[in-house]
Amino acid sequence: MNNFIYDKDTIILNWYDVDLIHRNIAENIRKDGYDVEVIVSMTRGGLVSAAHLAYILGVHPIISIQIGRPSTANSLNHTDYIPMLISDSSDLYRITGKNVLLVDGAIGTGKTIHLATDILNKYKPKDIRVAITTAWSGCPELPSESFWTSKTIYLGESFVLWPVLPWEF
């Protein structure tokens, strides 16, 4: 994965890069012995990552939850907004008592993942672990240390520039 394409503000990943990242995440999940029973994806940013990880891990149920920015938020500013629940799946009851893998394509501030785990916890899953394809380490407002230590997070790759995934073109 050393053929990344860079521009001034972003790093552009290709499908091969993402495949390697997801296979590494899946390997780490297997090494931990975590039996993923349900995958919950963040709508849009996490759908492709969730589907790909589901195939690799052999997990069938994928449920989506849509968390986004208020319509007044600046789409180019990844830090200056408070995420909000737009819609959740009526299937979230299916996570009760299950090992859940929450998947998103990228993380910047961690605000979206915080909100998503709060929502999922209301349905009393057995455990929630998080898989993130890419992280933006250049974020001036990185998730707190307690965020990282309170959850098991499988992080694919971290970049100083904002990562652009192949389905975002």
N, C-alpha and C. Protein backbone atom coordinates (compact mmCIF):
# COMPACT_ATOMS: atom_id res chain seq x y z
N MET A 1 0.82 -1.19 0.00
CA MET A 1 0.00 0.00 0.00
C MET A 1 0.86 1.25 0.00
N ASN A 2 1.78 1.33 -0.89
CA ASN A 2 2.62 2.51 -0.94
C ASN A 2 2.41 3.30 -2.22
N ASN A 3 1.36 3.02 -2.94
CA ASN A 3 1.07 3.72 -4.19
C ASN A 3 -0.08 4.71 -4.03
N PHE A 4 -0.22 5.27 -2.83
CA PHE A 4 -1.29 6.23 -2.61
C PHE A 4 -1.10 7.46 -3.48
N ILE A 5 -2.20 8.05 -3.87
CA ILE A 5 -2.17 9.27 -4.66
C ILE A 5 -2.47 10.43 -3.72
N TYR A 6 -1.60 11.41 -3.72
CA TYR A 6 -1.75 12.56 -2.84
C TYR A 6 -2.08 13.80 -3.66
N ASP A 7 -2.86 14.67 -3.07
CA ASP A 7 -2.94 16.03 -3.59
C ASP A 7 -2.71 16.95 -2.39
N LYS A 8 -3.01 18.19 -2.52
CA LYS A 8 -2.70 19.16 -1.47
C LYS A 8 -3.33 18.82 -0.12
N ASP A 9 -4.57 18.38 -0.12
CA ASP A 9 -5.31 18.19 1.13
C ASP A 9 -5.76 16.76 1.39
N THR A 10 -5.61 15.87 0.42
CA THR A 10 -6.17 14.53 0.57
C THR A 10 -5.19 13.45 0.12
N ILE A 11 -5.51 12.24 0.53
CA ILE A 11 -4.84 11.05 0.01
C ILE A 11 -5.94 10.19 -0.59
N ILE A 12 -5.74 9.76 -1.82
CA ILE A 12 -6.77 9.02 -2.54
C ILE A 12 -6.40 7.54 -2.56
N LEU A 13 -7.26 6.73 -2.00
CA LEU A 13 -7.03 5.29 -1.96
C LEU A 13 -7.75 4.62 -3.12
N ASN A 14 -7.19 3.52 -3.61
CA ASN A 14 -7.85 2.77 -4.67
C ASN A 14 -8.47 1.50 -4.08
N TRP A 15 -9.14 0.73 -4.91
CA TRP A 15 -9.85 -0.46 -4.44
C TRP A 15 -8.90 -1.50 -3.86
N TYR A 16 -7.73 -1.61 -4.45
CA TYR A 16 -6.74 -2.57 -3.94
C TYR A 16 -6.29 -2.18 -2.53
N ASP A 17 -6.05 -0.89 -2.31
CA ASP A 17 -5.68 -0.41 -0.98
C ASP A 17 -6.75 -0.79 0.05
N VAL A 18 -7.99 -0.52 -0.30
CA VAL A 18 -9.10 -0.78 0.62
C VAL A 18 -9.25 -2.28 0.89
N ASP A 19 -9.08 -3.10 -0.14
CA ASP A 19 -9.14 -4.55 0.04
C ASP A 19 -8.09 -5.00 1.06
N LEU A 20 -6.86 -4.52 0.92
CA LEU A 20 -5.80 -4.89 1.86
C LEU A 20 -6.11 -4.42 3.28
N ILE A 21 -6.62 -3.21 3.39
CA ILE A 21 -6.99 -2.67 4.70
C ILE A 21 -8.07 -3.54 5.35
N HIS A 22 -9.11 -3.87 4.59
CA HIS A 22 -10.20 -4.67 5.16
C HIS A 22 -9.75 -6.07 5.53
N ARG A 23 -8.90 -6.66 4.73
CA ARG A 23 -8.40 -8.01 5.06
C ARG A 23 -7.54 -7.97 6.33
N ASN A 24 -6.81 -6.90 6.53
CA ASN A 24 -6.03 -6.74 7.75
C ASN A 24 -6.95 -6.57 8.97
N ILE A 25 -7.98 -5.76 8.82
CA ILE A 25 -8.96 -5.59 9.90
C ILE A 25 -9.59 -6.93 10.25
N ALA A 26 -10.02 -7.67 9.23
CA ALA A 26 -10.65 -8.97 9.46
C ALA A 26 -9.71 -9.94 10.16
N GLU A 27 -8.46 -9.91 9.78
CA GLU A 27 -7.46 -10.78 10.42
C GLU A 27 -7.31 -10.43 11.90
N ASN A 28 -7.30 -9.15 12.21
CA ASN A 28 -7.20 -8.73 13.61
C ASN A 28 -8.44 -9.13 14.42
N ILE A 29 -9.60 -9.06 13.81
CA ILE A 29 -10.83 -9.49 14.47
C ILE A 29 -10.75 -10.99 14.76
N ARG A 30 -10.31 -11.75 13.79
CA ARG A 30 -10.17 -13.21 13.97
C ARG A 30 -9.14 -13.53 15.06
N LYS A 31 -8.01 -12.82 15.05
CA LYS A 31 -6.97 -13.05 16.06
C LYS A 31 -7.51 -12.80 17.46
N ASP A 32 -8.39 -11.81 17.59
CA ASP A 32 -9.00 -11.52 18.89
C ASP A 32 -10.04 -12.55 19.29
N GLY A 33 -10.44 -13.41 18.35
CA GLY A 33 -11.47 -14.39 18.64
C GLY A 33 -12.86 -13.79 18.77
N TYR A 34 -13.05 -12.60 18.20
CA TYR A 34 -14.35 -11.94 18.29
C TYR A 34 -15.29 -12.54 17.26
N ASP A 35 -16.39 -13.08 17.74
CA ASP A 35 -17.39 -13.71 16.88
C ASP A 35 -18.44 -12.66 16.49
N VAL A 36 -18.23 -12.02 15.34
CA VAL A 36 -19.16 -10.99 14.88
C VAL A 36 -20.46 -11.66 14.45
N GLU A 37 -21.56 -11.25 15.08
CA GLU A 37 -22.87 -11.81 14.74
C GLU A 37 -23.69 -10.87 13.87
N VAL A 38 -23.47 -9.58 14.03
CA VAL A 38 -24.21 -8.58 13.25
C VAL A 38 -23.25 -7.43 12.94
N ILE A 39 -23.31 -6.94 11.71
CA ILE A 39 -22.57 -5.74 11.33
C ILE A 39 -23.56 -4.59 11.21
N VAL A 40 -23.21 -3.47 11.83
CA VAL A 40 -23.99 -2.25 11.69
C VAL A 40 -23.11 -1.25 10.95
N SER A 41 -23.63 -0.74 9.85
CA SER A 41 -22.84 0.20 9.05
C SER A 41 -23.38 1.61 9.20
N MET A 42 -22.47 2.54 9.07
CA MET A 42 -22.85 3.94 8.99
C MET A 42 -23.29 4.14 7.54
N THR A 43 -24.51 4.61 7.34
CA THR A 43 -25.02 4.79 5.99
C THR A 43 -24.13 5.77 5.24
N ARG A 44 -23.94 5.49 4.01
CA ARG A 44 -23.04 6.15 3.07
C ARG A 44 -21.60 5.77 3.35
N GLY A 45 -20.93 6.43 4.27
CA GLY A 45 -19.50 6.21 4.48
C GLY A 45 -19.10 4.81 4.87
N GLY A 46 -19.99 4.08 5.51
CA GLY A 46 -19.62 2.75 5.99
C GLY A 46 -20.22 1.60 5.23
N LEU A 47 -21.14 1.86 4.31
CA LEU A 47 -21.84 0.77 3.62
C LEU A 47 -20.92 -0.15 2.84
N VAL A 48 -20.04 0.42 2.04
CA VAL A 48 -19.15 -0.40 1.22
C VAL A 48 -18.18 -1.16 2.11
N SER A 49 -17.60 -0.48 3.10
CA SER A 49 -16.70 -1.15 4.03
C SER A 49 -17.41 -2.28 4.77
N ALA A 50 -18.65 -2.03 5.21
CA ALA A 50 -19.41 -3.06 5.93
C ALA A 50 -19.69 -4.27 5.05
N ALA A 51 -20.10 -4.02 3.82
CA ALA A 51 -20.38 -5.13 2.90
C ALA A 51 -19.12 -5.95 2.63
N HIS A 52 -18.01 -5.27 2.40
CA HIS A 52 -16.77 -5.97 2.11
C HIS A 52 -16.31 -6.79 3.33
N LEU A 53 -16.36 -6.20 4.51
CA LEU A 53 -15.98 -6.92 5.72
C LEU A 53 -16.93 -8.09 5.98
N ALA A 54 -18.22 -7.91 5.67
CA ALA A 54 -19.18 -9.01 5.85
C ALA A 54 -18.81 -10.20 4.97
N TYR A 55 -18.42 -9.95 3.74
CA TYR A 55 -18.00 -11.04 2.85
C TYR A 55 -16.74 -11.72 3.39
N ILE A 56 -15.77 -10.93 3.79
CA ILE A 56 -14.51 -11.50 4.29
C ILE A 56 -14.74 -12.32 5.56
N LEU A 57 -15.58 -11.80 6.46
CA LEU A 57 -15.81 -12.47 7.75
C LEU A 57 -16.91 -13.52 7.70
N GLY A 58 -17.68 -13.55 6.61
CA GLY A 58 -18.78 -14.50 6.52
C GLY A 58 -19.97 -14.14 7.39
N VAL A 59 -20.18 -12.85 7.59
CA VAL A 59 -21.30 -12.37 8.41
C VAL A 59 -22.42 -11.94 7.48
N HIS A 60 -23.65 -12.37 7.76
CA HIS A 60 -24.75 -12.05 6.85
C HIS A 60 -25.57 -10.83 7.27
N PRO A 61 -26.00 -10.72 8.51
CA PRO A 61 -26.85 -9.55 8.80
C PRO A 61 -26.04 -8.25 8.78
N ILE A 62 -26.46 -7.33 7.92
CA ILE A 62 -25.91 -5.97 7.91
C ILE A 62 -27.08 -5.02 8.11
N ILE A 63 -26.96 -4.18 9.11
CA ILE A 63 -27.98 -3.20 9.43
C ILE A 63 -27.34 -1.83 9.28
N SER A 64 -28.08 -0.85 8.80
CA SER A 64 -27.48 0.49 8.66
C SER A 64 -28.14 1.48 9.60
N ILE A 65 -27.34 2.46 9.97
CA ILE A 65 -27.82 3.57 10.79
C ILE A 65 -27.29 4.84 10.12
N GLN A 66 -28.16 5.82 9.96
CA GLN A 66 -27.76 7.04 9.25
C GLN A 66 -27.57 8.18 10.24
N ILE A 67 -26.32 8.58 10.36
CA ILE A 67 -25.96 9.72 11.19
C ILE A 67 -25.26 10.70 10.26
N GLY A 68 -25.62 11.95 10.38
CA GLY A 68 -25.03 12.92 9.47
C GLY A 68 -24.88 14.27 10.10
N ARG A 69 -24.60 15.21 9.23
CA ARG A 69 -24.41 16.59 9.64
C ARG A 69 -25.71 17.36 9.45
N PRO A 70 -25.95 18.33 10.30
CA PRO A 70 -27.09 19.20 10.04
C PRO A 70 -26.92 19.87 8.68
N SER A 71 -28.00 20.20 8.03
CA SER A 71 -27.93 20.79 6.70
C SER A 71 -27.18 22.11 6.71
N THR A 72 -27.02 22.72 7.86
CA THR A 72 -26.30 23.99 7.95
C THR A 72 -24.80 23.81 8.09
N ALA A 73 -24.33 22.56 8.26
CA ALA A 73 -22.90 22.32 8.47
C ALA A 73 -22.12 22.51 7.16
N ASN A 74 -20.91 22.99 7.30
CA ASN A 74 -20.00 23.17 6.18
C ASN A 74 -19.49 21.79 5.77
N SER A 75 -19.77 21.38 4.54
CA SER A 75 -19.39 20.03 4.10
C SER A 75 -17.89 19.83 4.02
N LEU A 76 -17.12 20.90 3.97
CA LEU A 76 -15.66 20.77 3.89
C LEU A 76 -15.01 20.76 5.26
N ASN A 77 -15.74 21.17 6.28
CA ASN A 77 -15.18 21.20 7.62
C ASN A 77 -15.62 19.93 8.35
N HIS A 78 -14.66 19.06 8.63
CA HIS A 78 -14.97 17.78 9.25
C HIS A 78 -15.00 17.85 10.77
N THR A 79 -14.79 19.02 11.35
CA THR A 79 -14.72 19.10 12.81
C THR A 79 -15.77 19.99 13.43
N ASP A 80 -16.26 20.97 12.71
CA ASP A 80 -17.11 22.00 13.29
C ASP A 80 -18.60 21.69 13.12
N TYR A 81 -19.04 20.57 13.69
CA TYR A 81 -20.45 20.24 13.66
C TYR A 81 -20.74 19.19 14.73
N ILE A 82 -21.99 19.08 15.07
CA ILE A 82 -22.43 18.03 15.99
C ILE A 82 -23.27 17.07 15.18
N PRO A 83 -22.87 15.79 15.11
CA PRO A 83 -23.64 14.83 14.31
C PRO A 83 -25.01 14.61 14.91
N MET A 84 -25.95 14.20 14.06
CA MET A 84 -27.30 13.92 14.54
C MET A 84 -27.84 12.68 13.85
N LEU A 85 -28.71 11.98 14.55
CA LEU A 85 -29.34 10.80 13.99
C LEU A 85 -30.33 11.26 12.93
N ILE A 86 -30.17 10.75 11.72
CA ILE A 86 -31.10 11.08 10.65
C ILE A 86 -32.17 10.00 10.57
N SER A 87 -31.73 8.75 10.57
CA SER A 87 -32.68 7.64 10.65
C SER A 87 -31.94 6.40 11.10
N ASP A 88 -32.67 5.54 11.79
CA ASP A 88 -32.08 4.26 12.14
C ASP A 88 -32.95 3.16 11.55
N SER A 89 -32.39 2.02 11.47
CA SER A 89 -33.10 0.90 10.89
C SER A 89 -34.10 0.34 11.89
N SER A 90 -35.23 -0.07 11.40
CA SER A 90 -36.19 -0.73 12.28
C SER A 90 -35.67 -2.11 12.69
N ASP A 91 -34.54 -2.52 12.10
CA ASP A 91 -33.95 -3.81 12.43
C ASP A 91 -32.98 -3.75 13.59
N LEU A 92 -32.79 -2.61 14.21
CA LEU A 92 -31.81 -2.52 15.29
C LEU A 92 -32.13 -3.44 16.47
N TYR A 93 -33.37 -3.82 16.62
CA TYR A 93 -33.71 -4.75 17.69
C TYR A 93 -32.94 -6.07 17.52
N ARG A 94 -32.48 -6.36 16.31
CA ARG A 94 -31.76 -7.61 16.03
C ARG A 94 -30.38 -7.66 16.66
N ILE A 95 -29.88 -6.53 17.19
CA ILE A 95 -28.56 -6.54 17.81
C ILE A 95 -28.62 -6.91 19.29
N THR A 96 -29.80 -6.97 19.87
CA THR A 96 -29.95 -7.29 21.29
C THR A 96 -29.28 -8.63 21.60
N GLY A 97 -28.36 -8.60 22.56
CA GLY A 97 -27.67 -9.81 22.99
C GLY A 97 -26.63 -10.33 22.01
N LYS A 98 -26.29 -9.56 20.99
CA LYS A 98 -25.37 -10.02 19.93
C LYS A 98 -24.03 -9.27 20.00
N ASN A 99 -23.02 -9.91 19.42
CA ASN A 99 -21.72 -9.25 19.21
C ASN A 99 -21.83 -8.43 17.94
N VAL A 100 -21.67 -7.12 18.08
CA VAL A 100 -21.87 -6.18 16.99
C VAL A 100 -20.53 -5.60 16.54
N LEU A 101 -20.38 -5.48 15.23
CA LEU A 101 -19.26 -4.75 14.65
C LEU A 101 -19.83 -3.52 13.95
N LEU A 102 -19.54 -2.35 14.49
CA LEU A 102 -19.97 -1.08 13.91
C LEU A 102 -18.89 -0.64 12.94
N VAL A 103 -19.27 -0.38 11.68
CA VAL A 103 -18.29 -0.10 10.63
C VAL A 103 -18.51 1.28 10.02
N ASP A 104 -17.40 2.00 9.85
CA ASP A 104 -17.44 3.26 9.12
C ASP A 104 -16.20 3.32 8.22
N GLY A 105 -16.29 4.09 7.17
CA GLY A 105 -15.20 4.20 6.22
C GLY A 105 -14.08 5.09 6.70
N ALA A 106 -14.41 6.13 7.46
CA ALA A 106 -13.40 7.07 7.92
C ALA A 106 -13.82 7.67 9.25
N ILE A 107 -12.82 8.07 10.02
CA ILE A 107 -13.07 8.75 11.28
C ILE A 107 -12.18 9.98 11.33
N GLY A 108 -12.76 11.07 11.78
CA GLY A 108 -11.99 12.29 11.97
C GLY A 108 -12.01 12.66 13.43
N THR A 109 -13.13 13.13 13.91
CA THR A 109 -13.24 13.56 15.30
C THR A 109 -13.73 12.46 16.23
N GLY A 110 -14.41 11.47 15.69
CA GLY A 110 -15.00 10.42 16.53
C GLY A 110 -16.42 10.74 16.98
N LYS A 111 -16.92 11.92 16.63
CA LYS A 111 -18.26 12.32 17.07
C LYS A 111 -19.35 11.38 16.55
N THR A 112 -19.24 10.98 15.29
CA THR A 112 -20.26 10.11 14.70
C THR A 112 -20.25 8.74 15.36
N ILE A 113 -19.07 8.19 15.59
CA ILE A 113 -18.97 6.87 16.23
C ILE A 113 -19.47 6.93 17.67
N HIS A 114 -19.16 8.03 18.38
CA HIS A 114 -19.69 8.20 19.74
C HIS A 114 -21.21 8.13 19.74
N LEU A 115 -21.83 8.90 18.86
CA LEU A 115 -23.29 8.93 18.80
C LEU A 115 -23.84 7.56 18.41
N ALA A 116 -23.23 6.93 17.43
CA ALA A 116 -23.71 5.62 16.98
C ALA A 116 -23.64 4.58 18.11
N THR A 117 -22.52 4.55 18.84
CA THR A 117 -22.43 3.56 19.92
C THR A 117 -23.43 3.86 21.03
N ASP A 118 -23.69 5.14 21.30
CA ASP A 118 -24.71 5.49 22.29
C ASP A 118 -26.08 4.96 21.85
N ILE A 119 -26.40 5.13 20.58
CA ILE A 119 -27.69 4.65 20.05
C ILE A 119 -27.76 3.13 20.11
N LEU A 120 -26.69 2.46 19.67
CA LEU A 120 -26.70 0.99 19.67
C LEU A 120 -26.79 0.42 21.08
N ASN A 121 -26.15 1.05 22.04
CA ASN A 121 -26.20 0.56 23.42
C ASN A 121 -27.62 0.53 23.99
N LYS A 122 -28.50 1.35 23.47
CA LYS A 122 -29.90 1.34 23.92
C LYS A 122 -30.59 0.01 23.59
N TYR A 123 -30.05 -0.72 22.61
CA TYR A 123 -30.63 -1.99 22.20
C TYR A 123 -29.96 -3.18 22.90
N LYS A 124 -29.09 -2.90 23.86
CA LYS A 124 -28.46 -3.90 24.72
C LYS A 124 -27.75 -5.04 23.98
N PRO A 125 -26.81 -4.69 23.11
CA PRO A 125 -26.02 -5.75 22.48
C PRO A 125 -25.10 -6.39 23.52
N LYS A 126 -24.64 -7.58 23.23
CA LYS A 126 -23.68 -8.25 24.11
C LYS A 126 -22.38 -7.44 24.16
N ASP A 127 -21.90 -7.01 22.99
CA ASP A 127 -20.66 -6.25 22.88
C ASP A 127 -20.70 -5.45 21.58
N ILE A 128 -20.05 -4.30 21.59
CA ILE A 128 -19.89 -3.50 20.37
C ILE A 128 -18.40 -3.27 20.16
N ARG A 129 -17.93 -3.62 18.99
CA ARG A 129 -16.58 -3.26 18.58
C ARG A 129 -16.70 -2.44 17.30
N VAL A 130 -15.69 -1.65 17.03
CA VAL A 130 -15.74 -0.70 15.93
C VAL A 130 -14.63 -1.01 14.93
N ALA A 131 -14.98 -1.01 13.64
CA ALA A 131 -14.00 -1.15 12.56
C ALA A 131 -14.04 0.11 11.71
N ILE A 132 -12.87 0.72 11.54
CA ILE A 132 -12.76 1.94 10.77
C ILE A 132 -11.74 1.69 9.66
N THR A 133 -12.15 1.91 8.41
CA THR A 133 -11.23 1.70 7.30
C THR A 133 -10.05 2.66 7.36
N THR A 134 -10.33 3.96 7.54
CA THR A 134 -9.27 4.97 7.56
C THR A 134 -9.54 5.99 8.65
N ALA A 135 -8.46 6.62 9.12
CA ALA A 135 -8.59 7.69 10.10
C ALA A 135 -7.80 8.89 9.62
N TRP A 136 -8.31 10.05 9.95
CA TRP A 136 -7.63 11.30 9.63
C TRP A 136 -6.89 11.74 10.89
N SER A 137 -5.61 11.46 10.95
CA SER A 137 -4.82 11.81 12.14
C SER A 137 -4.50 13.30 12.18
N GLY A 138 -4.76 14.00 11.08
CA GLY A 138 -4.52 15.44 11.02
C GLY A 138 -5.62 16.25 11.65
N CYS A 139 -6.62 15.59 12.19
CA CYS A 139 -7.75 16.30 12.79
C CYS A 139 -7.29 17.09 14.01
N PRO A 140 -7.62 18.37 14.08
CA PRO A 140 -7.21 19.16 15.24
C PRO A 140 -8.00 18.78 16.50
N GLU A 141 -9.02 17.97 16.34
CA GLU A 141 -9.90 17.60 17.45
C GLU A 141 -10.02 16.08 17.50
N LEU A 142 -8.89 15.41 17.68
CA LEU A 142 -8.88 13.95 17.69
C LEU A 142 -9.72 13.39 18.83
N PRO A 143 -10.24 12.18 18.65
CA PRO A 143 -10.98 11.56 19.75
C PRO A 143 -10.11 11.47 21.01
N SER A 144 -10.75 11.62 22.15
CA SER A 144 -10.03 11.60 23.42
C SER A 144 -9.45 10.22 23.70
N GLU A 145 -8.50 10.20 24.59
CA GLU A 145 -7.87 8.93 24.98
C GLU A 145 -8.92 7.96 25.53
N SER A 146 -9.90 8.48 26.27
CA SER A 146 -10.93 7.61 26.83
C SER A 146 -11.78 6.97 25.73
N PHE A 147 -11.93 7.66 24.59
CA PHE A 147 -12.66 7.08 23.47
C PHE A 147 -11.96 5.82 22.99
N TRP A 148 -10.65 5.90 22.81
CA TRP A 148 -9.91 4.77 22.28
C TRP A 148 -9.82 3.63 23.28
N THR A 149 -9.76 3.92 24.57
CA THR A 149 -9.59 2.86 25.56
C THR A 149 -10.91 2.25 25.99
N SER A 150 -12.02 2.92 25.74
CA SER A 150 -13.31 2.39 26.19
C SER A 150 -13.94 1.43 25.17
N LYS A 151 -13.34 1.31 24.01
CA LYS A 151 -13.89 0.46 22.96
C LYS A 151 -12.77 -0.33 22.31
N THR A 152 -13.11 -1.48 21.77
CA THR A 152 -12.15 -2.18 20.93
C THR A 152 -12.35 -1.65 19.53
N ILE A 153 -11.31 -1.04 19.00
CA ILE A 153 -11.39 -0.42 17.68
C ILE A 153 -10.37 -1.07 16.76
N TYR A 154 -10.85 -1.53 15.63
CA TYR A 154 -9.98 -2.08 14.60
C TYR A 154 -9.79 -0.99 13.56
N LEU A 155 -8.61 -0.38 13.57
CA LEU A 155 -8.33 0.73 12.67
C LEU A 155 -7.46 0.25 11.53
N GLY A 156 -7.94 0.50 10.31
CA GLY A 156 -7.20 0.08 9.13
C GLY A 156 -5.92 0.87 8.94
N GLU A 157 -6.02 2.10 8.49
CA GLU A 157 -4.87 2.96 8.24
C GLU A 157 -5.17 4.37 8.73
N SER A 158 -4.15 5.05 9.19
CA SER A 158 -4.28 6.43 9.63
C SER A 158 -3.43 7.32 8.72
N PHE A 159 -4.00 8.47 8.35
CA PHE A 159 -3.33 9.38 7.42
C PHE A 159 -3.36 10.80 7.97
N VAL A 160 -2.29 11.56 7.71
CA VAL A 160 -2.25 12.96 8.10
C VAL A 160 -3.20 13.77 7.20
N LEU A 161 -3.26 13.41 5.92
CA LEU A 161 -4.19 14.07 5.00
C LEU A 161 -5.54 13.36 5.06
N TRP A 162 -6.59 14.05 4.65
CA TRP A 162 -7.93 13.46 4.65
C TRP A 162 -7.98 12.31 3.64
N PRO A 163 -8.36 11.09 4.08
CA PRO A 163 -8.42 9.95 3.15
C PRO A 163 -9.70 9.99 2.31
N VAL A 164 -9.53 9.78 1.01
CA VAL A 164 -10.67 9.69 0.09
C VAL A 164 -10.75 8.26 -0.38
N LEU A 165 -11.88 7.63 -0.13
CA LEU A 165 -12.08 6.22 -0.51
C LEU A 165 -12.57 6.14 -1.95
N PRO A 166 -12.35 4.99 -2.62
CA PRO A 166 -12.65 4.91 -4.05
C PRO A 166 -14.12 5.16 -4.41
N TRP A 167 -15.04 4.87 -3.50
CA TRP A 167 -16.46 5.08 -3.81
C TRP A 167 -16.89 6.53 -3.59
N GLU A 168 -15.96 7.39 -3.19
CA GLU A 168 -16.30 8.80 -2.94
C GLU A 168 -16.00 9.70 -4.15
N PHE A 169 -15.60 9.12 -5.26
CA PHE A 169 -15.27 9.92 -6.43
C PHE A 169 -16.51 10.36 -7.13
